[in-house]
Structures are given as structure tokens and as C-alpha cells.
């Protein structure tokens, strides 16, 4: 267990190093610094693939620690894949920072699936919680990417309004690209997050174990529901949608933090 904790801490540190390199490349443009940031993130992804594979082979593939690590890995891998199609180089620091946060949660989490949760009827217990946790983290990962895009959108919009730092503005993606990716993230994350919330509610009410984290998760789901509904039917775009998307993720991260530090 101690060796695994050390490896997870190393993995979180690598995400942190990637974040610093991306921030440096964002504020002081340098091709060599950009290459170093991409290389560091690629190495970090490879390390986490190895860590998660080891956990899966050890029978720990359904633990909170595993899902937290998988979310951080998926978020960064998604950025690496999308940057070949969209001009989102400047998103690296925000994506890496969110991945670092999730990786830190994975490193500090000590709750293992299987002994700390409430009993469910026979035949349900074996699949309900792993499915609930997995779907929740799929949603959180998509929301995290959407929020990283939204934060850059807000930064770009503010800089355009103030006509500040033209060199940096040119390095940020166009607003229409950012808005499109932010909507895609919410569209991908909302269905699995909805199913996870329903399964979690079933467990909570079945066992009379409703916790504050469930209520926060419900509010975050409502926030994303409003964002999605307003975007698709009322034509919401821009800062309002980006701001609400960010608020929703902060609530999700509050649930994730409680989950990591105390166990679900």
C-alpha cells in the first residue's frame, strides 16, 4: 500500500509539472517549452496507464482511487487527442491543472470499494455501486473538460473586451471553437451523470443514507440541466453558459473531494 501511495504521489506530481510547463508556454511563448509540456503530459499519461493497469490486475479496478486516477488520465488524453483537430494548445494548463487535482484526490484516497458502504438487496450490491461510481466519473471527466474550455472562453472574452495582451489573445482559441467544445462536453457528460445520480439516489433512499454530498450532486445536475436546456432551446451562448458550467463543476468537485477524503 505504501509503495502504491508513493507511485500515485509521483503521478500527481507529474501532472503538476505538466501544468507548470503549460503555464510557462502560455505566458512566455516558446516552441521548446511547448514541446517539453507536451512531452511531460505524454509521459504522465503513460505512467498513469501503467498505474491503473497494475491496480486493475490487483483486483482494485472498482475502487474510488482507480476511478479518480482514470478520470485524470482520460481528461488529459482527451486534450492530447483533440489538439490534433482543434486549435486548443492554450488549454493545456487548465486541463493539466484539473487532472492534477483529480490525481491528488486519488493519492489521498484510502477507501476501498467493498467494505465501507451500506448493504443492498442480494443481487444488486455486486453491480450497483461500481456502475454508479464509474458513470459518475465519466460525467465529471466530461464536465471538467467543458469547464476548462469555459474558463478559457471567459478569459478570452475578457481580454478581447479590454483589448489587452494581443500576443496572448492570439494564442487562445477562437470563441466559437471554445463554445462548441464546451457544449460537446456537457452533452457527453450529462447522460452518464444522470444515470449515476439515479443509481446513487436509489442506494441512498433504499438504505436511509441520504448525505449532504447527494444533495450537492443533485444541485450540480440541475445546474448542468439548465445549461443544456438553455443552450439547446433558448440559444444560450457565451459567458452565461461558461459561468454556469464552471459553477456546476465546482459543485461536482465538492462531491468528489468528500468522496475521496471520506469515502462514498
Protein backbone atom coordinates (compact mmCIF):
# COMPACT_ATOMS: atom_id res chain seq x y z
CA UNK A 1 0.00 0.00 0.00
CA UNK A 2 2.85 2.39 0.84
CA UNK A 3 4.58 1.74 -2.49
CA UNK A 4 1.34 2.37 -4.38
CA UNK A 5 0.80 5.63 -2.49
CA UNK A 6 4.30 6.75 -3.44
CA UNK A 7 3.65 5.93 -7.09
CA UNK A 8 0.33 7.78 -7.06
CA UNK A 9 2.01 10.77 -5.45
CA UNK A 10 4.65 10.67 -8.18
CA UNK A 11 1.90 10.51 -10.79
CA UNK A 12 0.16 13.54 -9.29
CA UNK A 13 3.49 15.36 -9.23
CA UNK A 14 4.00 14.67 -12.93
CA UNK A 15 0.62 16.22 -13.69
CA UNK A 16 1.68 19.22 -11.61
CA UNK A 17 4.93 19.53 -13.57
CA UNK A 18 2.97 19.42 -16.84
CA UNK A 19 0.72 22.20 -15.54
CA UNK A 20 3.70 24.43 -14.74
CA UNK A 21 5.26 23.83 -18.16
CA UNK A 22 1.99 24.62 -19.94
CA UNK A 23 1.56 27.79 -17.91
CA UNK A 24 5.09 28.84 -18.82
CA UNK A 25 4.42 28.18 -22.50
CA UNK A 26 1.16 30.15 -22.31
CA UNK A 27 2.60 33.30 -20.78
CA UNK A 28 6.03 33.21 -22.41
CA UNK A 29 5.60 31.53 -25.80
CA UNK A 30 8.46 29.19 -26.63
CA UNK A 31 8.39 26.21 -29.03
CA UNK A 32 10.84 24.31 -26.85
CA UNK A 33 8.72 24.93 -23.75
CA UNK A 34 5.58 23.78 -25.58
CA UNK A 35 7.34 20.60 -26.68
CA UNK A 36 8.53 20.00 -23.13
CA UNK A 37 4.98 20.46 -21.80
CA UNK A 38 3.51 18.04 -24.34
CA UNK A 39 6.28 15.53 -23.65
CA UNK A 40 5.74 15.79 -19.89
CA UNK A 41 2.00 15.25 -20.24
CA UNK A 42 2.52 12.31 -22.61
CA UNK A 43 4.94 10.69 -20.14
CA UNK A 44 2.45 11.33 -17.33
CA UNK A 45 -0.32 9.64 -19.31
CA UNK A 46 1.93 6.63 -19.91
CA UNK A 47 2.79 6.43 -16.20
CA UNK A 48 -0.88 6.53 -15.21
CA UNK A 49 -1.76 3.86 -17.74
CA UNK A 50 0.79 1.66 -16.00
CA UNK A 51 -0.51 2.56 -12.52
CA UNK A 52 -4.13 1.89 -13.41
CA UNK A 53 -3.27 -1.35 -15.20
CA UNK A 54 -1.47 -2.51 -12.07
CA UNK A 55 -4.49 -1.63 -9.93
CA UNK A 56 -6.84 -3.46 -12.29
CA UNK A 57 -4.68 -6.60 -12.28
CA UNK A 58 -4.57 -6.42 -8.48
CA UNK A 59 -8.36 -6.51 -8.35
CA UNK A 60 -8.71 -2.83 -7.44
CA UNK A 61 -10.33 -1.72 -10.68
CA UNK A 62 -13.56 -0.70 -8.97
CA UNK A 63 -12.08 1.38 -6.17
CA UNK A 64 -12.58 5.15 -5.83
CA UNK A 65 -8.81 5.58 -6.19
CA UNK A 66 -8.92 3.81 -9.54
CA UNK A 67 -11.78 5.94 -10.87
CA UNK A 68 -10.17 9.17 -9.71
CA UNK A 69 -6.95 8.22 -11.49
CA UNK A 70 -8.83 7.14 -14.60
CA UNK A 71 -10.65 10.48 -14.72
CA UNK A 72 -7.39 12.43 -14.56
CA UNK A 73 -5.86 10.19 -17.23
CA UNK A 74 -8.89 10.42 -19.54
CA UNK A 75 -9.11 14.19 -19.23
CA UNK A 76 -5.51 14.67 -20.31
CA UNK A 77 -5.69 12.03 -23.05
CA UNK A 78 -8.80 13.76 -24.42
CA UNK A 79 -6.90 17.02 -24.64
CA UNK A 80 -3.96 15.36 -26.41
CA UNK A 81 -6.36 13.80 -28.93
CA UNK A 82 -8.43 16.93 -29.58
CA UNK A 83 -5.47 19.26 -30.01
CA UNK A 84 -4.71 17.50 -33.31
CA UNK A 85 -8.12 18.63 -34.60
CA UNK A 86 -8.79 21.94 -32.86
CA UNK A 87 -6.53 24.94 -32.10
CA UNK A 88 -6.59 24.37 -28.35
CA UNK A 89 -2.91 24.41 -27.45
CA UNK A 90 -3.54 27.00 -24.73
CA UNK A 91 -6.00 24.69 -22.95
CA UNK A 92 -3.12 22.52 -21.76
CA UNK A 93 -2.51 24.34 -18.48
CA UNK A 94 -6.18 24.27 -17.47
CA UNK A 95 -6.67 20.61 -18.40
CA UNK A 96 -3.43 19.58 -16.68
CA UNK A 97 -4.41 21.54 -13.55
CA UNK A 98 -7.77 19.73 -13.30
CA UNK A 99 -6.02 16.41 -13.92
CA UNK A 100 -3.58 17.26 -11.14
CA UNK A 101 -6.45 17.92 -8.73
CA UNK A 102 -8.13 14.59 -9.54
CA UNK A 103 -4.78 12.79 -9.26
CA UNK A 104 -4.19 14.34 -5.82
CA UNK A 105 -7.63 13.10 -4.74
CA UNK A 106 -6.60 9.63 -5.97
CA UNK A 107 -3.36 9.76 -3.99
CA UNK A 108 -5.02 10.77 -0.72
CA UNK A 109 -7.97 8.38 -1.07
CA UNK A 110 -7.72 5.23 1.05
CA UNK A 111 -11.31 3.98 0.74
CA UNK A 112 -11.53 0.59 -0.96
CA UNK A 113 -14.76 -0.49 -2.56
CA UNK A 114 -16.35 -3.39 -0.81
CA UNK A 115 -16.49 -2.76 2.90
CA UNK A 116 -17.46 0.78 3.75
CA UNK A 117 -20.82 1.14 2.07
CA UNK A 118 -24.31 0.13 3.00
CA UNK A 119 -25.76 -3.25 2.23
CA UNK A 120 -28.15 -3.56 -0.67
CA UNK A 121 -30.50 -6.40 -1.57
CA UNK A 122 -28.77 -9.55 -2.74
CA UNK A 123 -28.06 -9.49 -6.44
CA UNK A 124 -27.88 -5.68 -6.55
CA UNK A 125 -24.89 -4.99 -4.35
CA UNK A 126 -22.42 -6.63 -6.73
CA UNK A 127 -23.03 -4.25 -9.61
CA UNK A 128 -24.84 -1.16 -8.37
CA UNK A 129 -22.05 0.79 -6.68
CA UNK A 130 -19.30 0.17 -9.29
CA UNK A 131 -21.66 1.19 -12.09
CA UNK A 132 -22.78 4.26 -10.14
CA UNK A 133 -19.20 5.35 -9.45
CA UNK A 134 -18.00 4.68 -12.99
CA UNK A 135 -20.81 6.61 -14.65
CA UNK A 136 -20.39 9.49 -12.20
CA UNK A 137 -16.73 9.85 -13.07
CA UNK A 138 -17.44 9.67 -16.80
CA UNK A 139 -19.75 12.63 -16.29
CA UNK A 140 -17.29 14.51 -14.08
CA UNK A 141 -14.48 13.99 -16.60
CA UNK A 142 -16.60 15.41 -19.43
CA UNK A 143 -17.73 18.31 -17.24
CA UNK A 144 -14.12 19.00 -16.24
CA UNK A 145 -13.08 19.29 -19.87
CA UNK A 146 -16.09 21.50 -20.61
CA UNK A 147 -15.17 23.72 -17.66
CA UNK A 148 -11.53 24.04 -18.73
CA UNK A 149 -12.82 25.22 -22.11
CA UNK A 150 -15.31 27.56 -20.43
CA UNK A 151 -12.62 29.16 -18.25
CA UNK A 152 -10.53 29.86 -21.34
CA UNK A 153 -13.65 31.25 -23.02
CA UNK A 154 -14.19 33.68 -20.14
CA UNK A 155 -10.52 34.67 -20.22
CA UNK A 156 -10.56 35.20 -23.99
CA UNK A 157 -13.81 37.20 -23.87
CA UNK A 158 -12.46 39.43 -21.10
CA UNK A 159 -9.19 40.06 -22.91
CA UNK A 160 -10.99 40.89 -26.13
CA UNK A 161 -13.22 43.36 -24.28
CA UNK A 162 -10.25 45.02 -22.59
CA UNK A 163 -8.05 44.80 -25.71
CA UNK A 164 -5.22 43.54 -23.53
CA UNK A 165 -2.15 41.47 -24.38
CA UNK A 166 -2.74 40.91 -28.12
CA UNK A 167 0.04 38.32 -28.28
CA UNK A 168 -1.69 36.17 -25.64
CA UNK A 169 -5.11 36.68 -27.24
CA UNK A 170 -3.78 35.27 -30.49
CA UNK A 171 -2.64 32.15 -28.65
CA UNK A 172 -6.10 31.45 -27.22
CA UNK A 173 -8.62 29.51 -29.34
CA UNK A 174 -11.43 31.41 -31.12
CA UNK A 175 -14.58 31.93 -29.06
CA UNK A 176 -16.75 29.88 -31.41
CA UNK A 177 -14.42 26.87 -31.10
CA UNK A 178 -14.41 27.16 -27.31
CA UNK A 179 -18.20 27.46 -27.17
CA UNK A 180 -18.62 24.41 -29.42
CA UNK A 181 -16.29 22.26 -27.29
CA UNK A 182 -17.92 23.40 -24.05
CA UNK A 183 -21.33 22.33 -25.34
CA UNK A 184 -19.94 18.98 -26.50
CA UNK A 185 -18.53 18.32 -23.05
CA UNK A 186 -21.89 18.92 -21.35
CA UNK A 187 -23.70 16.82 -23.96
CA UNK A 188 -21.34 13.89 -23.37
CA UNK A 189 -21.28 14.16 -19.57
CA UNK A 190 -24.93 14.79 -18.77
CA UNK A 191 -26.45 11.35 -19.65
CA UNK A 192 -24.00 9.19 -17.61
CA UNK A 193 -24.08 11.68 -14.74
CA UNK A 194 -27.89 11.48 -14.75
CA UNK A 195 -27.87 7.68 -14.57
CA UNK A 196 -25.24 7.77 -11.81
CA UNK A 197 -27.38 10.20 -9.83
CA UNK A 198 -30.43 7.95 -10.19
CA UNK A 199 -28.47 4.90 -9.03
CA UNK A 200 -26.96 6.83 -6.12
CA UNK A 201 -30.39 8.09 -5.11
CA UNK A 202 -31.73 4.54 -5.21
CA UNK A 203 -28.97 3.40 -2.85
CA UNK A 204 -29.40 6.39 -0.55
CA UNK A 205 -33.15 6.10 -0.14
CA UNK A 206 -33.06 2.31 -0.04
CA UNK A 207 -30.71 2.41 2.95
CA UNK A 208 -31.90 5.68 4.51
CA UNK A 209 -28.40 7.06 4.00
CA UNK A 210 -29.01 10.39 2.29
CA UNK A 211 -25.89 12.52 2.76
CA UNK A 212 -25.18 16.19 2.02
CA UNK A 213 -22.97 15.10 -0.89
CA UNK A 214 -26.00 13.62 -2.64
CA UNK A 215 -27.82 16.94 -2.35
CA UNK A 216 -24.82 18.82 -3.75
CA UNK A 217 -24.65 16.31 -6.62
CA UNK A 218 -28.34 16.91 -7.31
CA UNK A 219 -27.82 20.68 -7.42
CA UNK A 220 -24.86 20.26 -9.79
CA UNK A 221 -27.04 18.05 -12.01
CA UNK A 222 -29.72 20.74 -12.03
CA UNK A 223 -27.12 23.36 -12.99
CA UNK A 224 -25.94 21.30 -15.94
CA UNK A 225 -29.53 20.54 -16.88
CA UNK A 226 -30.24 24.28 -17.00
CA UNK A 227 -27.10 24.88 -19.07
CA UNK A 228 -28.01 22.15 -21.53
CA UNK A 229 -31.66 23.15 -21.80
CA UNK A 230 -30.84 26.83 -22.22
CA UNK A 231 -28.20 26.10 -24.84
CA UNK A 232 -30.39 23.78 -26.91
CA UNK A 233 -33.72 25.61 -26.67
CA UNK A 234 -33.03 29.22 -25.71
CA UNK A 235 -29.83 29.66 -27.69
CA UNK A 236 -27.61 30.44 -24.70
CA UNK A 237 -24.03 31.06 -25.68
CA UNK A 238 -21.01 32.79 -24.29
CA UNK A 239 -20.31 33.98 -20.80
CA UNK A 240 -23.57 32.96 -19.12
CA UNK A 241 -23.23 29.35 -20.25
CA UNK A 242 -19.49 29.30 -19.46
CA UNK A 243 -20.08 30.72 -15.99
CA UNK A 244 -22.80 28.20 -15.11
CA UNK A 245 -20.70 25.34 -16.47
CA UNK A 246 -17.89 26.38 -14.11
CA UNK A 247 -20.27 26.59 -11.15
CA UNK A 248 -21.52 23.08 -11.91
CA UNK A 249 -18.02 21.64 -11.89
CA UNK A 250 -17.15 23.32 -8.60
CA UNK A 251 -20.13 21.53 -7.06
CA UNK A 252 -19.09 18.24 -8.66
CA UNK A 253 -15.57 18.65 -7.31
CA UNK A 254 -17.02 19.25 -3.86
CA UNK A 255 -18.74 15.87 -4.09
CA UNK A 256 -15.55 14.26 -5.44
CA UNK A 257 -13.49 15.78 -2.62
CA UNK A 258 -15.82 14.39 0.02
CA UNK A 259 -15.83 11.06 -1.79
CA UNK A 260 -12.04 10.95 -1.89
CA UNK A 261 -11.39 12.07 1.65
CA UNK A 262 -14.17 10.22 3.46
CA UNK A 263 -15.37 7.52 1.11
CA UNK A 264 -18.74 7.38 -0.63
